[in-house]
Amino acid sequence: MIEAIIFDFDGLLVDTEIIAYEIYHQILDKHGFVFTKEEYTQYYSGKTDTLNAENIIKHYHLPYTIEELLQMTFELEEKISSKGVKLKPGAKELLAYLKANHYHIALATSSFKKRAVNILQEHDTLKYFDTCVFLEDVKHSKPHPEIFLKALEKLNVSNKNAIVLEDSENGIKAAINAKIDVICIPDMKIPSKEYLDKTLFTGRSLFDVLTYLQTNSSDDFTKKDEQMKIIEIFNRDPLLIQKLLEVWESSVRATHLFLSDNDINHIKEYVPQALKEVDHLLIIETIRKSCWFYRN
């Protein structure tokens, strides 16, 4: 039974990854370097400020110490963030649902306490968290599991009864190393298939997590049902649905697809085509922006 949800912060709960890119872009632009979003997502997304500062200094031969560059990034971030840092879509709705339904809620972030707390207070969301683990509270950064293990310890919850919400490869790996189920909501960088295959599912926003928890709160779809398989699909390709349905050979009971509004509108068009190809009989039930396919 799921008792606790552990949130990452940057890129998962708050839209700060784009701010981090803009900071490095401005710094490097002053030194005549072109810094693209693609470069940021490939080499710097999901890593700590200290590690990024070290790598940027080495790669671009910048005339700064790590401490000096960190101070520059902090000052720029404060300036950019003064215009407001946005919550990610579905953040408040999910937090409110979790609190109303008596889940334990933790924050496990590689950000400094002062920075994270200021942003959470700005959005009146700090009140939802039962406990927080910040960069200052751990000796090892992700993908080491320490930060998630410490969150579990503070919540007094078993790893088997928790879910981690992450956006990065290092975060996913840290959750796996802590033996906690993880859901991925990618931000600027989509983790590789190697990592996504190890998650419960990959969603488009925190609204998908809300739908998942609401759906799985019923007796028919609890975490205890080991035959349930969750797979994500992002388009209306019958061949992908055919591939998805192959998991049913192992007695899978139901398959969960997260769908866009357009997919929902066209569900009657593409599902019959897919079913004709794979020769399966299913009952279809649309739940918000998701769809359960049941074996008949």
C-alpha atoms as a PDB file:
ATOM      1  CA  MET A   1       0.000   0.000   0.000  1.00  0.00           C
ATOM      2  CA  ILE A   2       1.378   3.393  -0.985  1.00  0.00           C
ATOM      3  CA  GLU A   3       1.731   5.594   2.092  1.00  0.00           C
ATOM      4  CA  ALA A   4       4.270   8.201   0.987  1.00  0.00           C
ATOM      5  CA  ILE A   5       5.199  10.287  -2.041  1.00  0.00           C
ATOM      6  CA  ILE A   6       8.703  11.776  -2.269  1.00  0.00           C
ATOM      7  CA  PHE A   7       9.150  14.769  -4.574  1.00  0.00           C
ATOM      8  CA  ASP A   8      12.230  15.954  -6.360  1.00  0.00           C
ATOM      9  CA  PHE A   9      12.322  19.748  -6.678  1.00  0.00           C
ATOM     10  CA  ASP A  10      14.060  21.319  -9.688  1.00  0.00           C
ATOM     11  CA  GLY A  11      12.426  20.379 -12.961  1.00  0.00           C
ATOM     12  CA  LEU A  12       9.823  18.206 -11.250  1.00  0.00           C
ATOM     13  CA  LEU A  13       7.949  20.416  -8.806  1.00  0.00           C
ATOM     14  CA  VAL A  14       9.143  23.825  -9.993  1.00  0.00           C
ATOM     15  CA  ASP A  15      10.108  25.069 -13.438  1.00  0.00           C
ATOM     16  CA  THR A  16      13.719  25.966 -12.662  1.00  0.00           C
ATOM     17  CA  GLU A  17      15.622  23.995 -15.302  1.00  0.00           C
ATOM     18  CA  ILE A  18      15.013  26.703 -17.888  1.00  0.00           C
ATOM     19  CA  ILE A  19      16.331  29.251 -15.378  1.00  0.00           C
ATOM     20  CA  ALA A  20      19.498  27.200 -14.864  1.00  0.00           C
ATOM     21  CA  TYR A  21      20.042  27.130 -18.619  1.00  0.00           C
ATOM     22  CA  GLU A  22      19.550  30.898 -18.866  1.00  0.00           C
ATOM     23  CA  ILE A  23      22.102  31.479 -16.083  1.00  0.00           C
ATOM     24  CA  TYR A  24      24.844  29.489 -17.814  1.00  0.00           C
ATOM     25  CA  HIS A  25      23.869  31.012 -21.152  1.00  0.00           C
ATOM     26  CA  GLN A  26      24.349  34.552 -19.823  1.00  0.00           C
ATOM     27  CA  ILE A  27      27.661  33.760 -18.126  1.00  0.00           C
ATOM     28  CA  LEU A  28      29.142  32.037 -21.169  1.00  0.00           C
ATOM     29  CA  ASP A  29      27.810  34.681 -23.551  1.00  0.00           C
ATOM     30  CA  LYS A  30      29.948  37.282 -21.760  1.00  0.00           C
ATOM     31  CA  HIS A  31      32.984  35.165 -22.609  1.00  0.00           C
ATOM     32  CA  GLY A  32      32.037  34.781 -26.263  1.00  0.00           C
ATOM     33  CA  PHE A  33      30.658  31.237 -26.099  1.00  0.00           C
ATOM     34  CA  VAL A  34      27.407  30.019 -27.613  1.00  0.00           C
ATOM     35  CA  PHE A  35      25.583  27.813 -25.122  1.00  0.00           C
ATOM     36  CA  THR A  36      22.551  25.949 -26.459  1.00  0.00           C
ATOM     37  CA  LYS A  37      19.637  24.269 -24.711  1.00  0.00           C
ATOM     38  CA  GLU A  38      20.713  21.010 -26.322  1.00  0.00           C
ATOM     39  CA  GLU A  39      24.139  21.295 -24.716  1.00  0.00           C
ATOM     40  CA  TYR A  40      22.587  22.079 -21.346  1.00  0.00           C
ATOM     41  CA  THR A  41      20.213  19.119 -21.447  1.00  0.00           C
ATOM     42  CA  GLN A  42      22.923  16.716 -22.591  1.00  0.00           C
ATOM     43  CA  TYR A  43      25.681  17.626 -20.136  1.00  0.00           C
ATOM     44  CA  TYR A  44      24.287  19.647 -17.230  1.00  0.00           C
ATOM     45  CA  SER A  45      20.603  18.909 -16.648  1.00  0.00           C
ATOM     46  CA  GLY A  46      19.876  16.986 -13.446  1.00  0.00           C
ATOM     47  CA  LYS A  47      23.287  17.595 -11.876  1.00  0.00           C
ATOM     48  CA  THR A  48      24.228  19.638  -8.810  1.00  0.00           C
ATOM     49  CA  ASP A  49      25.248  23.292  -9.065  1.00  0.00           C
ATOM     50  CA  THR A  50      28.720  22.470  -7.757  1.00  0.00           C
ATOM     51  CA  LEU A  51      29.349  19.728 -10.305  1.00  0.00           C
ATOM     52  CA  ASN A  52      28.058  21.908 -13.136  1.00  0.00           C
ATOM     53  CA  ALA A  53      30.273  24.800 -12.060  1.00  0.00           C
ATOM     54  CA  GLU A  54      33.300  22.523 -11.991  1.00  0.00           C
ATOM     55  CA  ASN A  55      32.553  21.068 -15.431  1.00  0.00           C
ATOM     56  CA  ILE A  56      31.810  24.428 -17.065  1.00  0.00           C
ATOM     57  CA  ILE A  57      35.054  25.935 -15.759  1.00  0.00           C
ATOM     58  CA  LYS A  58      37.027  22.987 -17.127  1.00  0.00           C
ATOM     59  CA  HIS A  59      35.266  22.803 -20.488  1.00  0.00           C
ATOM     60  CA  TYR A  60      35.322  26.523 -21.275  1.00  0.00           C
ATOM     61  CA  HIS A  61      38.542  27.358 -19.390  1.00  0.00           C
ATOM     62  CA  LEU A  62      36.811  30.111 -17.440  1.00  0.00           C
ATOM     63  CA  PRO A  63      38.944  32.296 -15.129  1.00  0.00           C
ATOM     64  CA  TYR A  64      36.934  31.494 -11.989  1.00  0.00           C
ATOM     65  CA  THR A  65      37.141  29.237  -8.999  1.00  0.00           C
ATOM     66  CA  ILE A  66      34.186  26.958  -8.365  1.00  0.00           C
ATOM     67  CA  GLU A  67      33.151  29.181  -5.459  1.00  0.00           C
ATOM     68  CA  GLU A  68      33.284  32.317  -7.624  1.00  0.00           C
ATOM     69  CA  LEU A  69      31.196  30.775 -10.384  1.00  0.00           C
ATOM     70  CA  LEU A  70      28.683  29.451  -7.878  1.00  0.00           C
ATOM     71  CA  GLN A  71      28.319  32.919  -6.403  1.00  0.00           C
ATOM     72  CA  MET A  72      27.719  34.315  -9.890  1.00  0.00           C
ATOM     73  CA  THR A  73      25.053  31.712 -10.586  1.00  0.00           C
ATOM     74  CA  PHE A  74      23.346  32.393  -7.246  1.00  0.00           C
ATOM     75  CA  GLU A  75      23.226  36.135  -7.931  1.00  0.00           C
ATOM     76  CA  LEU A  76      21.899  35.637 -11.455  1.00  0.00           C
ATOM     77  CA  GLU A  77      19.321  33.146 -10.253  1.00  0.00           C
ATOM     78  CA  GLU A  78      18.080  35.588  -7.620  1.00  0.00           C
ATOM     79  CA  LYS A  79      17.738  38.262 -10.287  1.00  0.00           C
ATOM     80  CA  ILE A  80      15.911  36.007 -12.756  1.00  0.00           C
ATOM     81  CA  SER A  81      13.786  34.353 -10.069  1.00  0.00           C
ATOM     82  CA  SER A  82      12.640  37.732  -8.757  1.00  0.00           C
ATOM     83  CA  LYS A  83      10.245  37.741 -11.706  1.00  0.00           C
ATOM     84  CA  GLY A  84       8.712  34.566 -10.300  1.00  0.00           C
ATOM     85  CA  VAL A  85       9.405  30.828 -10.473  1.00  0.00           C
ATOM     86  CA  LYS A  86       6.502  28.808 -11.802  1.00  0.00           C
ATOM     87  CA  LEU A  87       5.213  25.578 -10.320  1.00  0.00           C
ATOM     88  CA  LYS A  88       5.037  22.694 -12.772  1.00  0.00           C
ATOM     89  CA  PRO A  89       1.554  21.844 -14.113  1.00  0.00           C
ATOM     90  CA  GLY A  90      -0.441  19.772 -11.645  1.00  0.00           C
ATOM     91  CA  ALA A  91       1.856  20.471  -8.685  1.00  0.00           C
ATOM     92  CA  LYS A  92      -0.667  22.179  -6.410  1.00  0.00           C
ATOM     93  CA  GLU A  93      -3.470  19.860  -7.409  1.00  0.00           C
ATOM     94  CA  LEU A  94      -1.373  16.772  -6.636  1.00  0.00           C
ATOM     95  CA  LEU A  95      -0.098  18.140  -3.312  1.00  0.00           C
ATOM     96  CA  ALA A  96      -3.629  19.068  -2.230  1.00  0.00           C
ATOM     97  CA  TYR A  97      -4.908  15.601  -3.154  1.00  0.00           C
ATOM     98  CA  LEU A  98      -2.102  13.873  -1.254  1.00  0.00           C
ATOM     99  CA  LYS A  99      -2.681  15.965   1.867  1.00  0.00           C
ATOM    100  CA  ALA A 100      -6.455  15.486   1.740  1.00  0.00           C
ATOM    101  CA  ASN A 101      -5.999  11.720   1.425  1.00  0.00           C
ATOM    102  CA  HIS A 102      -3.483  11.477   4.269  1.00  0.00           C
ATOM    103  CA  TYR A 103      -0.376  10.508   2.302  1.00  0.00           C
ATOM    104  CA  HIS A 104       3.009  11.257   3.853  1.00  0.00           C
ATOM    105  CA  ILE A 105       4.736  13.860   1.679  1.00  0.00           C
ATOM    106  CA  ALA A 106       8.478  14.527   1.515  1.00  0.00           C
ATOM    107  CA  LEU A 107      10.772  16.767  -0.491  1.00  0.00           C
ATOM    108  CA  ALA A 108      14.186  15.355  -1.415  1.00  0.00           C
ATOM    109  CA  THR A 109      16.204  17.949  -3.280  1.00  0.00           C
ATOM    110  CA  SER A 110      19.798  18.672  -4.207  1.00  0.00           C
ATOM    111  CA  SER A 111      19.025  22.362  -3.754  1.00  0.00           C
ATOM    112  CA  PHE A 112      20.099  24.446  -0.785  1.00  0.00           C
ATOM    113  CA  LYS A 113      17.457  24.815   1.930  1.00  0.00           C
ATOM    114  CA  LYS A 114      17.132  28.607   1.765  1.00  0.00           C
ATOM    115  CA  ARG A 115      16.551  28.586  -1.993  1.00  0.00           C
ATOM    116  CA  ALA A 116      13.999  25.762  -2.004  1.00  0.00           C
ATOM    117  CA  VAL A 117      12.091  27.062   1.020  1.00  0.00           C
ATOM    118  CA  ASN A 118      11.836  30.566  -0.468  1.00  0.00           C
ATOM    119  CA  ILE A 119      10.324  29.222  -3.686  1.00  0.00           C
ATOM    120  CA  LEU A 120       7.901  26.928  -1.852  1.00  0.00           C
ATOM    121  CA  GLN A 121       6.785  29.729   0.461  1.00  0.00           C
ATOM    122  CA  GLU A 122       6.257  31.997  -2.525  1.00  0.00           C
ATOM    123  CA  HIS A 123       3.663  29.515  -3.798  1.00  0.00           C
ATOM    124  CA  ASP A 124       2.274  28.628  -0.345  1.00  0.00           C
ATOM    125  CA  THR A 125       3.221  24.961  -0.855  1.00  0.00           C
ATOM    126  CA  LEU A 126       5.724  24.384   1.956  1.00  0.00           C
ATOM    127  CA  LYS A 127       2.763  23.572   4.221  1.00  0.00           C
ATOM    128  CA  TYR A 128       2.060  20.367   2.307  1.00  0.00           C
ATOM    129  CA  PHE A 129       5.358  18.683   3.176  1.00  0.00           C
ATOM    130  CA  ASP A 130       5.739  16.559   6.284  1.00  0.00           C
ATOM    131  CA  THR A 131       9.507  16.619   5.956  1.00  0.00           C
ATOM    132  CA  CYS A 132      12.233  17.942   3.659  1.00  0.00           C
ATOM    133  CA  VAL A 133      15.763  16.773   2.901  1.00  0.00           C
ATOM    134  CA  PHE A 134      18.055  19.398   1.372  1.00  0.00           C
ATOM    135  CA  LEU A 135      21.571  19.467  -0.055  1.00  0.00           C
ATOM    136  CA  GLU A 136      23.001  20.402   3.349  1.00  0.00           C
ATOM    137  CA  ASP A 137      21.455  17.306   4.930  1.00  0.00           C
ATOM    138  CA  VAL A 138      23.356  14.693   2.924  1.00  0.00           C
ATOM    139  CA  LYS A 139      26.960  13.768   2.204  1.00  0.00           C
ATOM    140  CA  HIS A 140      26.296  12.133  -1.147  1.00  0.00           C
ATOM    141  CA  SER A 141      24.390  13.539  -4.120  1.00  0.00           C
ATOM    142  CA  LYS A 142      22.154  11.605  -6.503  1.00  0.00           C
ATOM    143  CA  PRO A 143      22.458   8.921  -7.909  1.00  0.00           C
ATOM    144  CA  HIS A 144      23.509   7.870  -4.402  1.00  0.00           C
ATOM    145  CA  PRO A 145      20.334   6.777  -2.553  1.00  0.00           C
ATOM    146  CA  GLU A 146      21.146   8.664   0.678  1.00  0.00           C
ATOM    147  CA  ILE A 147      18.704  11.522   0.112  1.00  0.00           C
ATOM    148  CA  PHE A 148      15.737   9.200  -0.444  1.00  0.00           C
ATOM    149  CA  LEU A 149      16.709   6.855   2.368  1.00  0.00           C
ATOM    150  CA  LYS A 150      16.878   9.832   4.717  1.00  0.00           C
ATOM    151  CA  ALA A 151      13.424  10.967   3.577  1.00  0.00           C
ATOM    152  CA  LEU A 152      12.029   7.492   4.307  1.00  0.00           C
ATOM    153  CA  GLU A 153      13.664   7.527   7.726  1.00  0.00           C
ATOM    154  CA  LYS A 154      12.132  10.898   8.574  1.00  0.00           C
ATOM    155  CA  LEU A 155       8.708   9.756   7.409  1.00  0.00           C
ATOM    156  CA  ASN A 156       9.071   6.387   9.156  1.00  0.00           C
ATOM    157  CA  VAL A 157       7.843   4.645   6.002  1.00  0.00           C
ATOM    158  CA  SER A 158       9.168   1.497   4.302  1.00  0.00           C
ATOM    159  CA  ASN A 159      10.672   1.767   0.828  1.00  0.00           C
ATOM    160  CA  LYS A 160       8.007  -0.710  -0.333  1.00  0.00           C
ATOM    161  CA  ASN A 161       5.280   1.759   0.612  1.00  0.00           C
ATOM    162  CA  ALA A 162       6.636   4.841  -1.140  1.00  0.00           C
ATOM    163  CA  ILE A 163       6.907   6.310  -4.617  1.00  0.00           C
ATOM    164  CA  VAL A 164       9.529   8.804  -5.782  1.00  0.00           C
ATOM    165  CA  LEU A 165       8.668  11.454  -8.390  1.00  0.00           C
ATOM    166  CA  GLU A 166      11.666  12.425 -10.529  1.00  0.00           C
ATOM    167  CA  ASP A 167      12.570  14.069 -13.819  1.00  0.00           C
ATOM    168  CA  SER A 168      16.246  13.132 -14.261  1.00  0.00           C
ATOM    169  CA  GLU A 169      18.364  10.051 -14.867  1.00  0.00           C
ATOM    170  CA  ASN A 170      20.358  10.597 -11.680  1.00  0.00           C
ATOM    171  CA  GLY A 171      17.138  10.923  -9.696  1.00  0.00           C
ATOM    172  CA  ILE A 172      15.676   7.755 -11.199  1.00  0.00           C
ATOM    173  CA  LYS A 173      18.894   5.881 -10.463  1.00  0.00           C
ATOM    174  CA  ALA A 174      18.955   7.171  -6.876  1.00  0.00           C
ATOM    175  CA  ALA A 175      15.401   5.929  -6.329  1.00  0.00           C
ATOM    176  CA  ILE A 176      16.260   2.548  -7.823  1.00  0.00           C
ATOM    177  CA  ASN A 177      19.355   2.353  -5.619  1.00  0.00           C
ATOM    178  CA  ALA A 178      17.095   3.045  -2.640  1.00  0.00           C
ATOM    179  CA  LYS A 179      14.752   0.279  -3.855  1.00  0.00           C
ATOM    180  CA  ILE A 180      11.820   2.695  -4.170  1.00  0.00           C
ATOM    181  CA  ASP A 181       9.380   2.686  -7.086  1.00  0.00           C
ATOM    182  CA  VAL A 182       9.748   5.794  -9.218  1.00  0.00           C
ATOM    183  CA  ILE A 183       7.579   7.738 -11.649  1.00  0.00           C
ATOM    184  CA  CYS A 184       9.295   9.981 -14.177  1.00  0.00           C
ATOM    185  CA  ILE A 185       7.935  13.331 -15.365  1.00  0.00           C
ATOM    186  CA  PRO A 186      10.662  14.550 -17.762  1.00  0.00           C
ATOM    187  CA  ASP A 187      11.599  18.202 -18.002  1.00  0.00           C
ATOM    188  CA  MET A 188      14.018  19.616 -20.583  1.00  0.00           C
ATOM    189  CA  LYS A 189      15.912  16.343 -20.902  1.00  0.00           C
ATOM    190  CA  ILE A 190      14.062  13.075 -21.422  1.00  0.00           C
ATOM    191  CA  PRO A 191      15.954  10.252 -19.678  1.00  0.00           C
ATOM    192  CA  SER A 192      17.168   7.404 -21.859  1.00  0.00           C
ATOM    193  CA  LYS A 193      15.084   4.285 -22.416  1.00  0.00           C
ATOM    194  CA  GLU A 194      17.436   2.410 -20.078  1.00  0.00           C
ATOM    195  CA  TYR A 195      16.141   4.525 -17.190  1.00  0.00           C
ATOM    196  CA  LEU A 196      12.522   4.929 -18.289  1.00  0.00           C
ATOM    197  CA  ASP A 197      12.122   1.164 -18.546  1.00  0.00           C
ATOM    198  CA  LYS A 198      12.817   0.924 -14.811  1.00  0.00           C
ATOM    199  CA  THR A 199      10.069   3.353 -13.788  1.00  0.00           C
ATOM    200  CA  LEU A 200       6.427   2.657 -12.982  1.00  0.00           C
ATOM    201  CA  PHE A 201       5.595   4.912 -15.896  1.00  0.00           C
ATOM    202  CA  THR A 202       6.605   8.155 -17.576  1.00  0.00           C
ATOM    203  CA  GLY A 203       4.018  10.922 -17.535  1.00  0.00           C
ATOM    204  CA  ARG A 204       3.630  14.259 -19.226  1.00  0.00           C
ATOM    205  CA  SER A 205       2.858  16.207 -16.069  1.00  0.00           C
ATOM    206  CA  LEU A 206       2.042  15.779 -12.400  1.00  0.00           C
ATOM    207  CA  PHE A 207      -1.605  15.547 -13.430  1.00  0.00           C
ATOM    208  CA  ASP A 208      -0.755  12.051 -14.690  1.00  0.00           C
ATOM    209  CA  VAL A 209       0.515  11.108 -11.222  1.00  0.00           C
ATOM    210  CA  LEU A 210      -2.740  12.401  -9.751  1.00  0.00           C
ATOM    211  CA  THR A 211      -4.743  10.268 -12.184  1.00  0.00           C
ATOM    212  CA  TYR A 212      -2.588   7.238 -11.402  1.00  0.00           C
ATOM    213  CA  LEU A 213      -3.083   7.557  -7.650  1.00  0.00           C
ATOM    214  CA  GLN A 214      -6.815   8.193  -7.971  1.00  0.00           C
ATOM    215  CA  THR A 215      -7.194   5.183 -10.242  1.00  0.00           C
ATOM    216  CA  ASN A 216      -5.090   2.912  -8.059  1.00  0.00           C
ATOM    217  CA  SER A 217      -6.890   3.892  -4.874  1.00  0.00           C
ATOM    218  CA  SER A 218      -9.678   1.443  -5.700  1.00  0.00           C
ATOM    219  CA  ASP A 219      -9.660  -2.194  -4.619  1.00  0.00           C
ATOM    220  CA  ASP A 220      -9.445  -3.339  -8.229  1.00  0.00           C
ATOM    221  CA  PHE A 221      -6.225  -1.511  -8.987  1.00  0.00           C
ATOM    222  CA  THR A 222      -4.014  -1.522  -5.928  1.00  0.00           C
ATOM    223  CA  LYS A 223      -0.246  -1.706  -5.884  1.00  0.00           C
ATOM    224  CA  LYS A 224      -0.629  -5.197  -4.441  1.00  0.00           C
ATOM    225  CA  ASP A 225      -1.947  -6.473  -7.744  1.00  0.00           C
ATOM    226  CA  GLU A 226       1.305  -7.767  -9.201  1.00  0.00           C
ATOM    227  CA  GLN A 227      -0.329  -8.631 -12.499  1.00  0.00           C
ATOM    228  CA  MET A 228      -0.997  -5.005 -13.332  1.00  0.00           C
ATOM    229  CA  LYS A 229       1.356  -3.546 -15.925  1.00  0.00           C
ATOM    230  CA  ILE A 230       1.609   0.160 -16.645  1.00  0.00           C
ATOM    231  CA  ILE A 231       2.871   1.272 -20.018  1.00  0.00           C
ATOM    232  CA  GLU A 232       2.824   4.712 -21.573  1.00  0.00           C
ATOM    233  CA  ILE A 233       2.055   5.682 -25.155  1.00  0.00           C
ATOM    234  CA  PHE A 234       2.195   9.178 -26.606  1.00  0.00           C
ATOM    235  CA  ASN A 235       0.616   8.828 -30.037  1.00  0.00           C
ATOM    236  CA  ARG A 236      -2.025   7.034 -32.057  1.00  0.00           C
ATOM    237  CA  ASP A 237       0.200   4.437 -33.751  1.00  0.00           C
ATOM    238  CA  PRO A 238      -1.531   1.016 -33.943  1.00  0.00           C
ATOM    239  CA  LEU A 239       1.843  -0.716 -34.177  1.00  0.00           C
ATOM    240  CA  LEU A 240       2.857   0.737 -30.821  1.00  0.00           C
ATOM    241  CA  ILE A 241      -0.386  -0.473 -29.310  1.00  0.00           C
ATOM    242  CA  GLN A 242       0.258  -3.887 -30.825  1.00  0.00           C
ATOM    243  CA  LYS A 243       3.683  -3.953 -29.209  1.00  0.00           C
ATOM    244  CA  LEU A 244       2.159  -2.801 -25.932  1.00  0.00           C
ATOM    245  CA  LEU A 245      -0.394  -5.589 -25.941  1.00  0.00           C
ATOM    246  CA  GLU A 246       2.310  -8.237 -26.273  1.00  0.00           C
ATOM    247  CA  VAL A 247       2.836  -7.975 -22.523  1.00  0.00           C
ATOM    248  CA  TRP A 248      -0.522  -9.674 -22.084  1.00  0.00           C
ATOM    249  CA  GLU A 249       1.065 -12.999 -22.973  1.00  0.00           C
ATOM    250  CA  SER A 250       2.427 -13.009 -19.428  1.00  0.00           C
ATOM    251  CA  SER A 251      -1.083 -12.807 -17.940  1.00  0.00           C
ATOM    252  CA  VAL A 252      -1.075  -9.058 -17.497  1.00  0.00           C
ATOM    253  CA  ARG A 253      -4.455  -7.979 -16.207  1.00  0.00           C
ATOM    254  CA  ALA A 254      -4.631  -4.398 -17.395  1.00  0.00           C
ATOM    255  CA  THR A 255      -2.580  -1.861 -19.267  1.00  0.00           C
ATOM    256  CA  HIS A 256      -2.608   1.871 -18.567  1.00  0.00           C
ATOM    257  CA  LEU A 257      -2.047   4.407 -21.332  1.00  0.00           C
ATOM    258  CA  PHE A 258      -1.639   8.130 -20.730  1.00  0.00           C
ATOM    259  CA  LEU A 259      -3.294  10.040 -23.533  1.00  0.00           C
ATOM    260  CA  SER A 260      -3.439  13.621 -24.725  1.00  0.00           C
ATOM    261  CA  ASP A 261      -6.721  15.416 -25.305  1.00  0.00           C
ATOM    262  CA  ASN A 262      -6.399  14.722 -29.020  1.00  0.00           C
ATOM    263  CA  ASP A 263      -5.814  11.037 -28.329  1.00  0.00           C
ATOM    264  CA  ILE A 264      -8.943  10.912 -26.198  1.00  0.00           C
ATOM    265  CA  ASN A 265     -10.924  12.536 -29.019  1.00  0.00           C
ATOM    266  CA  HIS A 266      -9.646  10.008 -31.537  1.00  0.00           C
ATOM    267  CA  ILE A 267      -9.724   6.941 -29.314  1.00  0.00           C
ATOM    268  CA  LYS A 268     -12.630   5.379 -31.215  1.00  0.00           C
ATOM    269  CA  GLU A 269     -10.731   5.828 -34.464  1.00  0.00           C
ATOM    270  CA  TYR A 270      -7.426   4.183 -33.664  1.00  0.00           C
ATOM    271  CA  VAL A 271      -8.332   1.557 -31.061  1.00  0.00           C
ATOM    272  CA  PRO A 272     -10.500  -0.580 -33.387  1.00  0.00           C
ATOM    273  CA  GLN A 273      -7.739  -0.449 -35.994  1.00  0.00           C
ATOM    274  CA  ALA A 274      -5.181  -1.621 -33.458  1.00  0.00           C
ATOM    275  CA  LEU A 275      -7.434  -4.340 -32.108  1.00  0.00           C
ATOM    276  CA  LYS A 276      -8.114  -5.607 -35.606  1.00  0.00           C
ATOM    277  CA  GLU A 277      -4.386  -6.076 -36.107  1.00  0.00           C
ATOM    278  CA  VAL A 278      -3.705  -7.820 -32.801  1.00  0.00           C
ATOM    279  CA  ASP A 279      -7.015  -9.710 -32.567  1.00  0.00           C
ATOM    280  CA  HIS A 280      -7.742  -8.815 -28.931  1.00  0.00           C
ATOM    281  CA  LEU A 281     -11.122  -8.068 -27.389  1.00  0.00           C
ATOM    282  CA  LEU A 282     -11.031  -5.280 -24.836  1.00  0.00           C
ATOM    283  CA  ILE A 283     -13.329  -3.102 -22.813  1.00  0.00           C
ATOM    284  CA  ILE A 284     -12.353   0.573 -22.929  1.00  0.00           C
ATOM    285  CA  GLU A 285     -12.858   3.030 -20.088  1.00  0.00           C
ATOM    286  CA  THR A 286     -11.681   6.617 -20.343  1.00  0.00           C
ATOM    287  CA  ILE A 287     -10.598   8.209 -17.061  1.00  0.00           C
ATOM    288  CA  ARG A 288      -9.701  11.881 -17.425  1.00  0.00           C
ATOM    289  CA  LYS A 289      -6.602  11.963 -19.629  1.00  0.00           C
ATOM    290  CA  SER A 290      -5.844   8.283 -19.332  1.00  0.00           C
ATOM    291  CA  CYS A 291      -7.314   5.038 -20.485  1.00  0.00           C
ATOM    292  CA  TRP A 292      -7.476   1.559 -19.025  1.00  0.00           C
ATOM    293  CA  PHE A 293      -7.545  -1.419 -21.364  1.00  0.00           C
ATOM    294  CA  TYR A 294      -9.037  -4.492 -19.704  1.00  0.00           C
ATOM    295  CA  ARG A 295      -8.729  -8.054 -20.892  1.00  0.00           C
ATOM    296  CA  ASN A 296     -12.185  -9.364 -21.678  1.00  0.00           C
END
